[in-house]
Amino acid sequence: MEKALLSRVLANYPLLSGLDPAERDEVLDRHARFHAVPAGTLLFDQGAPCQGFPMVLSGNVRVARGSPGGRSLELYRVPPGELCVVSASCLFGQAALAAHGQTTEPTELVLLAPPGFERWAANTSFRRQVFGIFADRLAELMALVEAVAFQRLDERLARTLLQRGPTVLATHQALADDLGTAREIVTRLLRRFEREGW
């Protein structure tokens, strides 16, 4: 791996500092590939085998779980420096992917092939940090389950809008995808918000 790219990877993923530098660099040379992809690129698909461990250097990846009817629910996003726990769990468990991942903007990433991930996962420090991130993501997913199960959709939509700031640049369909509902319902709720002067 060229030096400039290695510097970007290490700057975004400090958990790699716990690895032996010679082994870390050898794994990156042999098992990692750089990818620059446009917005809307499907990086991995639900039910498919995992092709590797993505390390995002710029951009953003939306990870969502889909239904047979074509609807999806966003689980989390992977910005630069974050880990994709769906990919990691697939690699640890040697199982199919439990969700799909798609770029939301032009994205640069390094994809570490499964044999390279296995070598790094043998390192206690790396494994401990990855499992620490698993714990954080699990807490976020439990909050999402609680919101879906126990909060009204209008409350969830209002919270989503408020979290995005004073100007929201998203389609009704994108908001529906984030909330795991139908576009028509989001449109109806937004009209109600407008009528009420929100």
N, C-alpha and C. Protein backbone atom coordinates (compact mmCIF):
# COMPACT_ATOMS: atom_id res chain seq x y z
N MET A 1 0.85 -1.17 0.00
CA MET A 1 0.00 0.00 0.00
C MET A 1 0.90 1.23 0.00
N GLU A 2 0.55 2.19 -0.87
CA GLU A 2 1.37 3.40 -0.94
C GLU A 2 1.31 4.18 0.37
N LYS A 3 2.36 4.94 0.63
CA LYS A 3 2.52 5.60 1.92
C LYS A 3 1.40 6.59 2.23
N ALA A 4 0.98 7.38 1.25
CA ALA A 4 -0.08 8.37 1.49
C ALA A 4 -1.39 7.68 1.87
N LEU A 5 -1.71 6.58 1.20
CA LEU A 5 -2.94 5.85 1.51
C LEU A 5 -2.83 5.21 2.90
N LEU A 6 -1.68 4.65 3.22
CA LEU A 6 -1.46 4.06 4.54
C LEU A 6 -1.64 5.12 5.63
N SER A 7 -1.15 6.32 5.40
CA SER A 7 -1.30 7.40 6.39
C SER A 7 -2.77 7.73 6.60
N ARG A 8 -3.56 7.76 5.53
CA ARG A 8 -5.00 8.04 5.66
C ARG A 8 -5.71 6.93 6.44
N VAL A 9 -5.36 5.69 6.15
CA VAL A 9 -5.98 4.56 6.86
C VAL A 9 -5.66 4.66 8.35
N LEU A 10 -4.40 4.88 8.69
CA LEU A 10 -4.00 4.93 10.10
C LEU A 10 -4.59 6.14 10.81
N ALA A 11 -4.72 7.27 10.10
CA ALA A 11 -5.31 8.46 10.71
C ALA A 11 -6.79 8.24 11.03
N ASN A 12 -7.50 7.52 10.16
CA ASN A 12 -8.93 7.27 10.36
C ASN A 12 -9.21 6.10 11.29
N TYR A 13 -8.29 5.16 11.39
CA TYR A 13 -8.52 3.95 12.17
C TYR A 13 -7.38 3.73 13.18
N PRO A 14 -7.40 4.52 14.27
CA PRO A 14 -6.33 4.40 15.27
C PRO A 14 -6.29 3.03 15.96
N LEU A 15 -7.37 2.25 15.88
CA LEU A 15 -7.34 0.92 16.48
C LEU A 15 -6.28 0.04 15.83
N LEU A 16 -5.82 0.41 14.64
CA LEU A 16 -4.78 -0.38 13.97
C LEU A 16 -3.42 -0.17 14.61
N SER A 17 -3.30 0.84 15.47
CA SER A 17 -2.00 1.10 16.11
C SER A 17 -1.62 0.00 17.08
N GLY A 18 -2.60 -0.79 17.54
CA GLY A 18 -2.31 -1.89 18.45
C GLY A 18 -1.73 -3.11 17.76
N LEU A 19 -1.70 -3.09 16.44
CA LEU A 19 -1.15 -4.21 15.67
C LEU A 19 0.35 -4.02 15.46
N ASP A 20 1.05 -5.12 15.32
CA ASP A 20 2.47 -5.05 14.98
C ASP A 20 2.60 -4.37 13.62
N PRO A 21 3.37 -3.26 13.51
CA PRO A 21 3.43 -2.51 12.25
C PRO A 21 3.83 -3.36 11.04
N ALA A 22 4.77 -4.29 11.21
CA ALA A 22 5.21 -5.10 10.07
C ALA A 22 4.07 -6.00 9.59
N GLU A 23 3.36 -6.63 10.53
CA GLU A 23 2.25 -7.51 10.14
C GLU A 23 1.10 -6.70 9.58
N ARG A 24 0.79 -5.57 10.24
CA ARG A 24 -0.29 -4.70 9.76
C ARG A 24 -0.06 -4.29 8.32
N ASP A 25 1.16 -3.83 8.03
CA ASP A 25 1.47 -3.36 6.68
C ASP A 25 1.49 -4.49 5.67
N GLU A 26 1.94 -5.67 6.09
CA GLU A 26 1.93 -6.81 5.18
C GLU A 26 0.50 -7.20 4.82
N VAL A 27 -0.39 -7.21 5.83
CA VAL A 27 -1.79 -7.55 5.58
C VAL A 27 -2.41 -6.52 4.64
N LEU A 28 -2.14 -5.25 4.86
CA LEU A 28 -2.68 -4.21 3.97
C LEU A 28 -2.14 -4.36 2.55
N ASP A 29 -0.86 -4.69 2.41
CA ASP A 29 -0.28 -4.88 1.07
C ASP A 29 -0.91 -6.05 0.34
N ARG A 30 -1.12 -7.15 1.06
CA ARG A 30 -1.59 -8.37 0.41
C ARG A 30 -3.11 -8.47 0.30
N HIS A 31 -3.84 -7.88 1.26
CA HIS A 31 -5.27 -8.17 1.35
C HIS A 31 -6.19 -6.96 1.25
N ALA A 32 -5.66 -5.78 1.06
CA ALA A 32 -6.51 -4.58 1.04
C ALA A 32 -6.49 -3.93 -0.33
N ARG A 33 -7.65 -3.42 -0.74
CA ARG A 33 -7.78 -2.73 -2.03
C ARG A 33 -8.52 -1.42 -1.81
N PHE A 34 -8.03 -0.38 -2.46
CA PHE A 34 -8.66 0.95 -2.39
C PHE A 34 -9.78 1.02 -3.42
N HIS A 35 -10.91 1.63 -3.03
CA HIS A 35 -12.04 1.82 -3.94
C HIS A 35 -12.56 3.25 -3.79
N ALA A 36 -12.82 3.90 -4.90
CA ALA A 36 -13.51 5.20 -4.91
C ALA A 36 -14.80 4.97 -5.70
N VAL A 37 -15.94 5.18 -5.05
CA VAL A 37 -17.22 4.85 -5.67
C VAL A 37 -18.17 6.04 -5.57
N PRO A 38 -19.08 6.18 -6.54
CA PRO A 38 -20.05 7.29 -6.49
C PRO A 38 -21.16 7.04 -5.49
N ALA A 39 -21.92 8.08 -5.22
CA ALA A 39 -23.09 7.97 -4.35
C ALA A 39 -24.06 6.95 -4.95
N GLY A 40 -24.73 6.21 -4.08
CA GLY A 40 -25.72 5.24 -4.54
C GLY A 40 -25.16 3.88 -4.90
N THR A 41 -23.87 3.65 -4.66
CA THR A 41 -23.25 2.37 -4.98
C THR A 41 -23.59 1.34 -3.90
N LEU A 42 -24.10 0.19 -4.30
CA LEU A 42 -24.36 -0.90 -3.38
C LEU A 42 -23.03 -1.59 -3.10
N LEU A 43 -22.54 -1.49 -1.86
CA LEU A 43 -21.26 -2.09 -1.50
C LEU A 43 -21.40 -3.55 -1.10
N PHE A 44 -22.50 -3.85 -0.41
CA PHE A 44 -22.77 -5.24 -0.04
C PHE A 44 -24.27 -5.42 0.09
N ASP A 45 -24.71 -6.67 -0.12
CA ASP A 45 -26.14 -6.94 -0.17
C ASP A 45 -26.54 -7.97 0.88
N GLN A 46 -27.71 -7.77 1.42
CA GLN A 46 -28.27 -8.66 2.43
C GLN A 46 -28.35 -10.07 1.89
N GLY A 47 -27.88 -11.04 2.68
CA GLY A 47 -27.93 -12.44 2.29
C GLY A 47 -26.74 -12.92 1.49
N ALA A 48 -25.89 -11.98 1.04
CA ALA A 48 -24.70 -12.36 0.26
C ALA A 48 -23.54 -12.67 1.20
N PRO A 49 -22.55 -13.40 0.69
CA PRO A 49 -21.35 -13.60 1.51
C PRO A 49 -20.57 -12.30 1.62
N CYS A 50 -19.88 -12.12 2.73
CA CYS A 50 -19.12 -10.89 2.96
C CYS A 50 -17.84 -10.91 2.14
N GLN A 51 -17.62 -9.84 1.40
CA GLN A 51 -16.42 -9.74 0.56
C GLN A 51 -15.24 -9.12 1.30
N GLY A 52 -15.50 -8.58 2.49
CA GLY A 52 -14.40 -8.00 3.24
C GLY A 52 -14.86 -7.00 4.28
N PHE A 53 -13.88 -6.37 4.88
CA PHE A 53 -14.08 -5.43 5.98
C PHE A 53 -13.81 -4.02 5.45
N PRO A 54 -14.87 -3.18 5.30
CA PRO A 54 -14.67 -1.85 4.73
C PRO A 54 -14.15 -0.85 5.77
N MET A 55 -13.15 -0.08 5.38
CA MET A 55 -12.63 1.01 6.19
C MET A 55 -12.85 2.30 5.40
N VAL A 56 -13.82 3.11 5.82
CA VAL A 56 -14.23 4.30 5.09
C VAL A 56 -13.25 5.43 5.36
N LEU A 57 -12.72 6.02 4.28
CA LEU A 57 -11.77 7.13 4.39
C LEU A 57 -12.45 8.47 4.13
N SER A 58 -13.46 8.48 3.29
CA SER A 58 -14.27 9.69 3.06
C SER A 58 -15.63 9.23 2.56
N GLY A 59 -16.64 10.08 2.77
CA GLY A 59 -17.98 9.73 2.35
C GLY A 59 -18.77 9.10 3.48
N ASN A 60 -19.76 8.26 3.11
CA ASN A 60 -20.66 7.69 4.11
C ASN A 60 -21.36 6.47 3.52
N VAL A 61 -21.57 5.46 4.35
CA VAL A 61 -22.26 4.25 3.93
C VAL A 61 -23.48 4.05 4.83
N ARG A 62 -24.64 3.92 4.20
CA ARG A 62 -25.90 3.66 4.93
C ARG A 62 -26.10 2.15 4.99
N VAL A 63 -26.22 1.62 6.20
CA VAL A 63 -26.44 0.19 6.39
C VAL A 63 -27.89 0.02 6.82
N ALA A 64 -28.63 -0.81 6.07
CA ALA A 64 -30.05 -0.97 6.31
C ALA A 64 -30.46 -2.43 6.13
N ARG A 65 -31.54 -2.77 6.77
CA ARG A 65 -32.11 -4.11 6.63
C ARG A 65 -33.36 -3.99 5.77
N GLY A 66 -33.47 -4.83 4.74
CA GLY A 66 -34.59 -4.77 3.81
C GLY A 66 -35.62 -5.84 4.08
N SER A 67 -36.82 -5.60 3.54
CA SER A 67 -37.91 -6.58 3.64
C SER A 67 -38.19 -7.13 2.24
N PRO A 68 -38.84 -8.29 2.15
CA PRO A 68 -39.18 -8.83 0.83
C PRO A 68 -40.05 -7.89 0.01
N GLY A 69 -40.81 -7.01 0.68
CA GLY A 69 -41.67 -6.07 -0.02
C GLY A 69 -40.94 -4.84 -0.57
N GLY A 70 -39.64 -4.76 -0.32
CA GLY A 70 -38.86 -3.66 -0.87
C GLY A 70 -38.62 -2.51 0.09
N ARG A 71 -39.23 -2.54 1.27
CA ARG A 71 -38.99 -1.49 2.25
C ARG A 71 -37.71 -1.79 3.00
N SER A 72 -37.12 -0.74 3.60
CA SER A 72 -35.91 -0.96 4.38
C SER A 72 -35.92 -0.05 5.60
N LEU A 73 -35.13 -0.44 6.59
CA LEU A 73 -34.98 0.33 7.82
C LEU A 73 -33.50 0.56 8.05
N GLU A 74 -33.14 1.83 8.14
CA GLU A 74 -31.73 2.17 8.38
C GLU A 74 -31.34 1.71 9.77
N LEU A 75 -30.22 0.98 9.85
CA LEU A 75 -29.70 0.53 11.13
C LEU A 75 -28.68 1.52 11.68
N TYR A 76 -27.77 1.97 10.81
CA TYR A 76 -26.75 2.93 11.20
C TYR A 76 -26.03 3.40 9.94
N ARG A 77 -25.16 4.38 10.11
CA ARG A 77 -24.31 4.85 9.01
C ARG A 77 -22.85 4.67 9.40
N VAL A 78 -22.02 4.49 8.39
CA VAL A 78 -20.59 4.31 8.61
C VAL A 78 -19.86 5.50 7.98
N PRO A 79 -19.51 6.51 8.79
CA PRO A 79 -18.69 7.61 8.29
C PRO A 79 -17.22 7.23 8.38
N PRO A 80 -16.32 8.09 7.92
CA PRO A 80 -14.89 7.79 8.03
C PRO A 80 -14.48 7.47 9.47
N GLY A 81 -13.68 6.43 9.61
CA GLY A 81 -13.16 6.05 10.92
C GLY A 81 -14.05 5.12 11.71
N GLU A 82 -15.29 4.90 11.28
CA GLU A 82 -16.20 4.00 11.99
C GLU A 82 -16.09 2.59 11.40
N LEU A 83 -16.59 1.62 12.17
CA LEU A 83 -16.57 0.24 11.71
C LEU A 83 -17.98 -0.21 11.33
N CYS A 84 -18.05 -1.07 10.35
CA CYS A 84 -19.32 -1.67 9.95
C CYS A 84 -19.47 -2.98 10.71
N VAL A 85 -20.34 -2.99 11.72
CA VAL A 85 -20.48 -4.19 12.54
C VAL A 85 -21.19 -5.32 11.79
N VAL A 86 -22.00 -5.00 10.80
CA VAL A 86 -22.62 -6.06 10.00
C VAL A 86 -21.53 -6.84 9.25
N SER A 87 -20.57 -6.12 8.66
CA SER A 87 -19.47 -6.80 7.97
C SER A 87 -18.61 -7.58 8.95
N ALA A 88 -18.30 -6.96 10.10
CA ALA A 88 -17.46 -7.64 11.09
C ALA A 88 -18.14 -8.89 11.63
N SER A 89 -19.44 -8.80 11.93
CA SER A 89 -20.14 -9.97 12.47
C SER A 89 -20.21 -11.08 11.43
N CYS A 90 -20.38 -10.70 10.17
CA CYS A 90 -20.39 -11.68 9.09
C CYS A 90 -19.04 -12.40 9.01
N LEU A 91 -17.97 -11.63 9.14
CA LEU A 91 -16.63 -12.21 9.06
C LEU A 91 -16.31 -13.07 10.29
N PHE A 92 -16.68 -12.58 11.48
CA PHE A 92 -16.44 -13.36 12.69
C PHE A 92 -17.25 -14.65 12.68
N GLY A 93 -18.52 -14.54 12.28
CA GLY A 93 -19.42 -15.69 12.33
C GLY A 93 -19.42 -16.54 11.07
N GLN A 94 -18.72 -16.09 10.04
CA GLN A 94 -18.68 -16.77 8.75
C GLN A 94 -20.11 -17.07 8.27
N ALA A 95 -20.93 -16.02 8.31
CA ALA A 95 -22.33 -16.13 7.90
C ALA A 95 -22.61 -15.10 6.81
N ALA A 96 -23.79 -15.21 6.21
CA ALA A 96 -24.20 -14.24 5.19
C ALA A 96 -24.46 -12.89 5.84
N LEU A 97 -24.40 -11.84 5.04
CA LEU A 97 -24.63 -10.49 5.53
C LEU A 97 -26.08 -10.33 5.96
N ALA A 98 -26.29 -9.66 7.10
CA ALA A 98 -27.63 -9.49 7.67
C ALA A 98 -28.29 -8.19 7.21
N ALA A 99 -27.61 -7.39 6.40
CA ALA A 99 -28.14 -6.10 5.93
C ALA A 99 -27.41 -5.72 4.65
N HIS A 100 -27.82 -4.60 4.05
CA HIS A 100 -27.12 -4.11 2.86
C HIS A 100 -26.48 -2.76 3.17
N GLY A 101 -25.44 -2.45 2.43
CA GLY A 101 -24.75 -1.18 2.62
C GLY A 101 -24.62 -0.43 1.31
N GLN A 102 -25.01 0.84 1.31
CA GLN A 102 -25.00 1.65 0.10
C GLN A 102 -24.41 3.02 0.43
N THR A 103 -23.59 3.54 -0.48
CA THR A 103 -23.00 4.85 -0.25
C THR A 103 -24.07 5.94 -0.39
N THR A 104 -23.98 6.96 0.46
CA THR A 104 -24.93 8.06 0.39
C THR A 104 -24.33 9.28 -0.29
N GLU A 105 -23.03 9.22 -0.56
CA GLU A 105 -22.30 10.29 -1.23
C GLU A 105 -21.05 9.66 -1.83
N PRO A 106 -20.30 10.37 -2.68
CA PRO A 106 -19.06 9.78 -3.18
C PRO A 106 -18.19 9.33 -2.01
N THR A 107 -17.69 8.11 -2.09
CA THR A 107 -17.03 7.49 -0.94
C THR A 107 -15.72 6.84 -1.37
N GLU A 108 -14.71 7.01 -0.51
CA GLU A 108 -13.43 6.31 -0.68
C GLU A 108 -13.28 5.36 0.49
N LEU A 109 -12.88 4.14 0.18
CA LEU A 109 -12.70 3.15 1.24
C LEU A 109 -11.62 2.15 0.86
N VAL A 110 -11.12 1.50 1.88
CA VAL A 110 -10.20 0.38 1.70
C VAL A 110 -10.94 -0.86 2.16
N LEU A 111 -11.01 -1.86 1.29
CA LEU A 111 -11.70 -3.10 1.61
C LEU A 111 -10.65 -4.16 1.95
N LEU A 112 -10.70 -4.62 3.19
CA LEU A 112 -9.79 -5.66 3.66
C LEU A 112 -10.43 -7.02 3.43
N ALA A 113 -9.78 -7.87 2.64
CA ALA A 113 -10.31 -9.19 2.31
C ALA A 113 -10.40 -10.06 3.57
N PRO A 114 -11.31 -11.06 3.59
CA PRO A 114 -11.48 -11.91 4.77
C PRO A 114 -10.20 -12.52 5.34
N PRO A 115 -9.25 -13.01 4.51
CA PRO A 115 -8.03 -13.56 5.13
C PRO A 115 -7.23 -12.51 5.93
N GLY A 116 -7.21 -11.27 5.46
CA GLY A 116 -6.53 -10.21 6.19
C GLY A 116 -7.24 -9.89 7.50
N PHE A 117 -8.58 -9.85 7.45
CA PHE A 117 -9.34 -9.60 8.67
C PHE A 117 -9.09 -10.70 9.69
N GLU A 118 -9.04 -11.95 9.24
CA GLU A 118 -8.79 -13.08 10.15
C GLU A 118 -7.44 -12.93 10.84
N ARG A 119 -6.43 -12.48 10.11
CA ARG A 119 -5.12 -12.30 10.72
C ARG A 119 -5.16 -11.21 11.77
N TRP A 120 -5.83 -10.08 11.46
CA TRP A 120 -5.92 -9.00 12.45
C TRP A 120 -6.76 -9.43 13.64
N ALA A 121 -7.83 -10.21 13.41
CA ALA A 121 -8.73 -10.62 14.49
C ALA A 121 -8.02 -11.54 15.48
N ALA A 122 -6.91 -12.15 15.09
CA ALA A 122 -6.13 -12.97 16.01
C ALA A 122 -5.43 -12.12 17.07
N ASN A 123 -5.33 -10.81 16.83
CA ASN A 123 -4.69 -9.88 17.77
C ASN A 123 -5.70 -9.47 18.83
N THR A 124 -5.34 -9.68 20.10
CA THR A 124 -6.26 -9.40 21.21
C THR A 124 -6.69 -7.94 21.25
N SER A 125 -5.76 -7.03 21.05
CA SER A 125 -6.08 -5.60 21.12
C SER A 125 -7.09 -5.21 20.03
N PHE A 126 -6.86 -5.66 18.81
CA PHE A 126 -7.77 -5.37 17.70
C PHE A 126 -9.15 -5.95 17.98
N ARG A 127 -9.17 -7.21 18.39
CA ARG A 127 -10.44 -7.90 18.65
C ARG A 127 -11.22 -7.20 19.77
N ARG A 128 -10.53 -6.81 20.84
CA ARG A 128 -11.18 -6.13 21.96
C ARG A 128 -11.81 -4.81 21.50
N GLN A 129 -11.09 -4.06 20.67
CA GLN A 129 -11.63 -2.79 20.20
C GLN A 129 -12.84 -2.99 19.29
N VAL A 130 -12.77 -3.99 18.43
CA VAL A 130 -13.91 -4.27 17.55
C VAL A 130 -15.12 -4.67 18.38
N PHE A 131 -14.94 -5.50 19.40
CA PHE A 131 -16.06 -5.90 20.24
C PHE A 131 -16.59 -4.74 21.07
N GLY A 132 -15.72 -3.79 21.43
CA GLY A 132 -16.19 -2.59 22.11
C GLY A 132 -17.11 -1.78 21.22
N ILE A 133 -16.78 -1.71 19.94
CA ILE A 133 -17.64 -1.00 18.98
C ILE A 133 -18.94 -1.77 18.77
N PHE A 134 -18.86 -3.11 18.79
CA PHE A 134 -20.08 -3.93 18.72
C PHE A 134 -21.03 -3.54 19.85
N ALA A 135 -20.49 -3.38 21.05
CA ALA A 135 -21.33 -3.04 22.21
C ALA A 135 -22.02 -1.70 22.00
N ASP A 136 -21.28 -0.71 21.48
CA ASP A 136 -21.87 0.61 21.22
C ASP A 136 -22.99 0.51 20.18
N ARG A 137 -22.73 -0.20 19.10
CA ARG A 137 -23.73 -0.35 18.04
C ARG A 137 -24.96 -1.11 18.55
N LEU A 138 -24.73 -2.11 19.40
CA LEU A 138 -25.86 -2.87 19.93
C LEU A 138 -26.76 -1.96 20.75
N ALA A 139 -26.17 -1.07 21.54
CA ALA A 139 -26.97 -0.13 22.32
C ALA A 139 -27.79 0.78 21.38
N GLU A 140 -27.17 1.23 20.28
CA GLU A 140 -27.89 2.06 19.30
C GLU A 140 -29.03 1.28 18.66
N LEU A 141 -28.78 0.01 18.33
CA LEU A 141 -29.82 -0.80 17.70
C LEU A 141 -30.97 -1.09 18.67
N MET A 142 -30.64 -1.26 19.94
CA MET A 142 -31.70 -1.47 20.93
C MET A 142 -32.57 -0.21 21.04
N ALA A 143 -31.95 0.95 20.97
CA ALA A 143 -32.71 2.21 21.00
C ALA A 143 -33.60 2.31 19.76
N LEU A 144 -33.09 1.87 18.62
CA LEU A 144 -33.89 1.88 17.39
C LEU A 144 -35.08 0.94 17.52
N VAL A 145 -34.85 -0.26 18.03
CA VAL A 145 -35.95 -1.22 18.22
C VAL A 145 -36.99 -0.63 19.16
N GLU A 146 -36.53 0.00 20.23
CA GLU A 146 -37.46 0.62 21.17
C GLU A 146 -38.28 1.72 20.48
N ALA A 147 -37.61 2.53 19.67
CA ALA A 147 -38.33 3.61 18.97
C ALA A 147 -39.37 3.04 18.01
N VAL A 148 -38.99 2.02 17.25
CA VAL A 148 -39.92 1.43 16.28
C VAL A 148 -41.10 0.76 17.00
N ALA A 149 -40.79 0.10 18.11
CA ALA A 149 -41.84 -0.65 18.80
C ALA A 149 -42.76 0.23 19.65
N PHE A 150 -42.20 1.29 20.25
CA PHE A 150 -42.97 1.99 21.28
C PHE A 150 -43.23 3.47 21.01
N GLN A 151 -42.63 4.05 19.97
CA GLN A 151 -42.88 5.46 19.68
C GLN A 151 -43.76 5.59 18.46
N ARG A 152 -44.60 6.59 18.49
CA ARG A 152 -45.45 6.85 17.32
C ARG A 152 -44.57 7.33 16.18
N LEU A 153 -45.01 7.04 14.95
CA LEU A 153 -44.25 7.40 13.77
C LEU A 153 -44.11 8.92 13.62
N ASP A 154 -45.13 9.69 13.99
CA ASP A 154 -45.01 11.14 13.87
C ASP A 154 -43.92 11.67 14.80
N GLU A 155 -43.77 11.08 15.99
CA GLU A 155 -42.70 11.48 16.91
C GLU A 155 -41.33 11.14 16.33
N ARG A 156 -41.23 9.95 15.75
CA ARG A 156 -39.94 9.54 15.15
C ARG A 156 -39.58 10.42 13.98
N LEU A 157 -40.57 10.78 13.15
CA LEU A 157 -40.31 11.65 12.01
C LEU A 157 -39.87 13.03 12.49
N ALA A 158 -40.58 13.58 13.48
CA ALA A 158 -40.22 14.90 14.02
C ALA A 158 -38.80 14.87 14.58
N ARG A 159 -38.45 13.82 15.31
CA ARG A 159 -37.09 13.70 15.87
C ARG A 159 -36.05 13.64 14.75
N THR A 160 -36.34 12.88 13.71
CA THR A 160 -35.41 12.76 12.58
C THR A 160 -35.19 14.11 11.92
N LEU A 161 -36.28 14.86 11.71
CA LEU A 161 -36.17 16.18 11.09
C LEU A 161 -35.35 17.13 11.96
N LEU A 162 -35.61 17.13 13.25
CA LEU A 162 -34.90 18.02 14.16
C LEU A 162 -33.40 17.68 14.22
N GLN A 163 -33.07 16.39 14.15
CA GLN A 163 -31.67 15.98 14.19
C GLN A 163 -30.90 16.42 12.95
N ARG A 164 -31.61 16.64 11.87
CA ARG A 164 -30.94 17.01 10.62
C ARG A 164 -30.73 18.51 10.46
N GLY A 165 -31.20 19.29 11.40
CA GLY A 165 -30.94 20.73 11.36
C GLY A 165 -32.08 21.52 10.75
N PRO A 166 -31.85 22.84 10.57
CA PRO A 166 -32.93 23.72 10.12
C PRO A 166 -33.36 23.48 8.67
N THR A 167 -32.46 22.95 7.84
CA THR A 167 -32.79 22.65 6.45
C THR A 167 -32.54 21.17 6.20
N VAL A 168 -33.58 20.48 5.75
CA VAL A 168 -33.46 19.05 5.48
C VAL A 168 -33.49 18.84 3.97
N LEU A 169 -32.41 18.30 3.45
CA LEU A 169 -32.32 17.99 2.02
C LEU A 169 -32.49 16.49 1.84
N ALA A 170 -33.74 16.07 1.83
CA ALA A 170 -34.04 14.64 1.67
C ALA A 170 -35.41 14.50 1.03
N THR A 171 -35.56 13.47 0.23
CA THR A 171 -36.87 13.20 -0.36
C THR A 171 -37.76 12.53 0.68
N HIS A 172 -39.05 12.53 0.40
CA HIS A 172 -39.98 11.82 1.27
C HIS A 172 -39.62 10.34 1.31
N GLN A 173 -39.18 9.80 0.19
CA GLN A 173 -38.80 8.38 0.13
C GLN A 173 -37.58 8.11 1.00
N ALA A 174 -36.60 9.02 0.97
CA ALA A 174 -35.41 8.83 1.80
C ALA A 174 -35.77 8.85 3.28
N LEU A 175 -36.66 9.77 3.66
CA LEU A 175 -37.10 9.81 5.06
C LEU A 175 -37.85 8.53 5.42
N ALA A 176 -38.69 8.06 4.51
CA ALA A 176 -39.43 6.81 4.75
C ALA A 176 -38.46 5.64 4.92
N ASP A 177 -37.43 5.59 4.09
CA ASP A 177 -36.43 4.53 4.20
C ASP A 177 -35.73 4.58 5.55
N ASP A 178 -35.39 5.79 5.99
CA ASP A 178 -34.72 5.94 7.29
C ASP A 178 -35.60 5.46 8.43
N LEU A 179 -36.91 5.64 8.29
CA LEU A 179 -37.85 5.31 9.36
C LEU A 179 -38.47 3.92 9.22
N GLY A 180 -38.21 3.28 8.09
CA GLY A 180 -38.77 1.95 7.87
C GLY A 180 -40.27 1.95 7.62
N THR A 181 -40.72 2.96 6.86
CA THR A 181 -42.15 3.06 6.58
C THR A 181 -42.35 3.37 5.10
N ALA A 182 -43.59 3.64 4.71
CA ALA A 182 -43.90 3.93 3.31
C ALA A 182 -43.84 5.44 3.06
N ARG A 183 -43.48 5.81 1.83
CA ARG A 183 -43.38 7.22 1.45
C ARG A 183 -44.70 7.95 1.66
N GLU A 184 -45.79 7.29 1.34
CA GLU A 184 -47.10 7.93 1.45
C GLU A 184 -47.40 8.37 2.89
N ILE A 185 -46.96 7.56 3.85
CA ILE A 185 -47.20 7.90 5.25
C ILE A 185 -46.37 9.11 5.65
N VAL A 186 -45.11 9.16 5.20
CA VAL A 186 -44.26 10.33 5.50
C VAL A 186 -44.88 11.57 4.88
N THR A 187 -45.33 11.49 3.64
CA THR A 187 -45.96 12.64 2.98
C THR A 187 -47.17 13.12 3.76
N ARG A 188 -48.02 12.20 4.19
CA ARG A 188 -49.21 12.57 4.96
C ARG A 188 -48.83 13.25 6.28
N LEU A 189 -47.82 12.71 6.98
CA LEU A 189 -47.39 13.32 8.24
C LEU A 189 -46.78 14.70 8.03
N LEU A 190 -45.99 14.87 6.96
CA LEU A 190 -45.39 16.18 6.68
C LEU A 190 -46.46 17.22 6.36
N ARG A 191 -47.50 16.80 5.66
CA ARG A 191 -48.62 17.72 5.38
C ARG A 191 -49.30 18.15 6.69
N ARG A 192 -49.45 17.18 7.59
CA ARG A 192 -50.06 17.50 8.89
C ARG A 192 -49.16 18.48 9.66
N PHE A 193 -47.85 18.23 9.65
CA PHE A 193 -46.90 19.14 10.32
C PHE A 193 -47.04 20.55 9.75
N GLU A 194 -47.15 20.62 8.41
CA GLU A 194 -47.28 21.93 7.75
C GLU A 194 -48.58 22.62 8.17
N ARG A 195 -49.69 21.88 8.17
CA ARG A 195 -50.98 22.46 8.58
C ARG A 195 -50.93 22.99 10.01
N GLU A 196 -50.17 22.31 10.87
CA GLU A 196 -50.09 22.71 12.27
C GLU A 196 -49.03 23.80 12.50
N GLY A 197 -48.39 24.25 11.41
CA GLY A 197 -47.44 25.35 11.51
C GLY A 197 -46.06 24.94 12.03
N TRP A 198 -45.74 23.68 11.94
CA TRP A 198 -44.45 23.20 12.41
C TRP A 198 -43.36 23.49 11.40
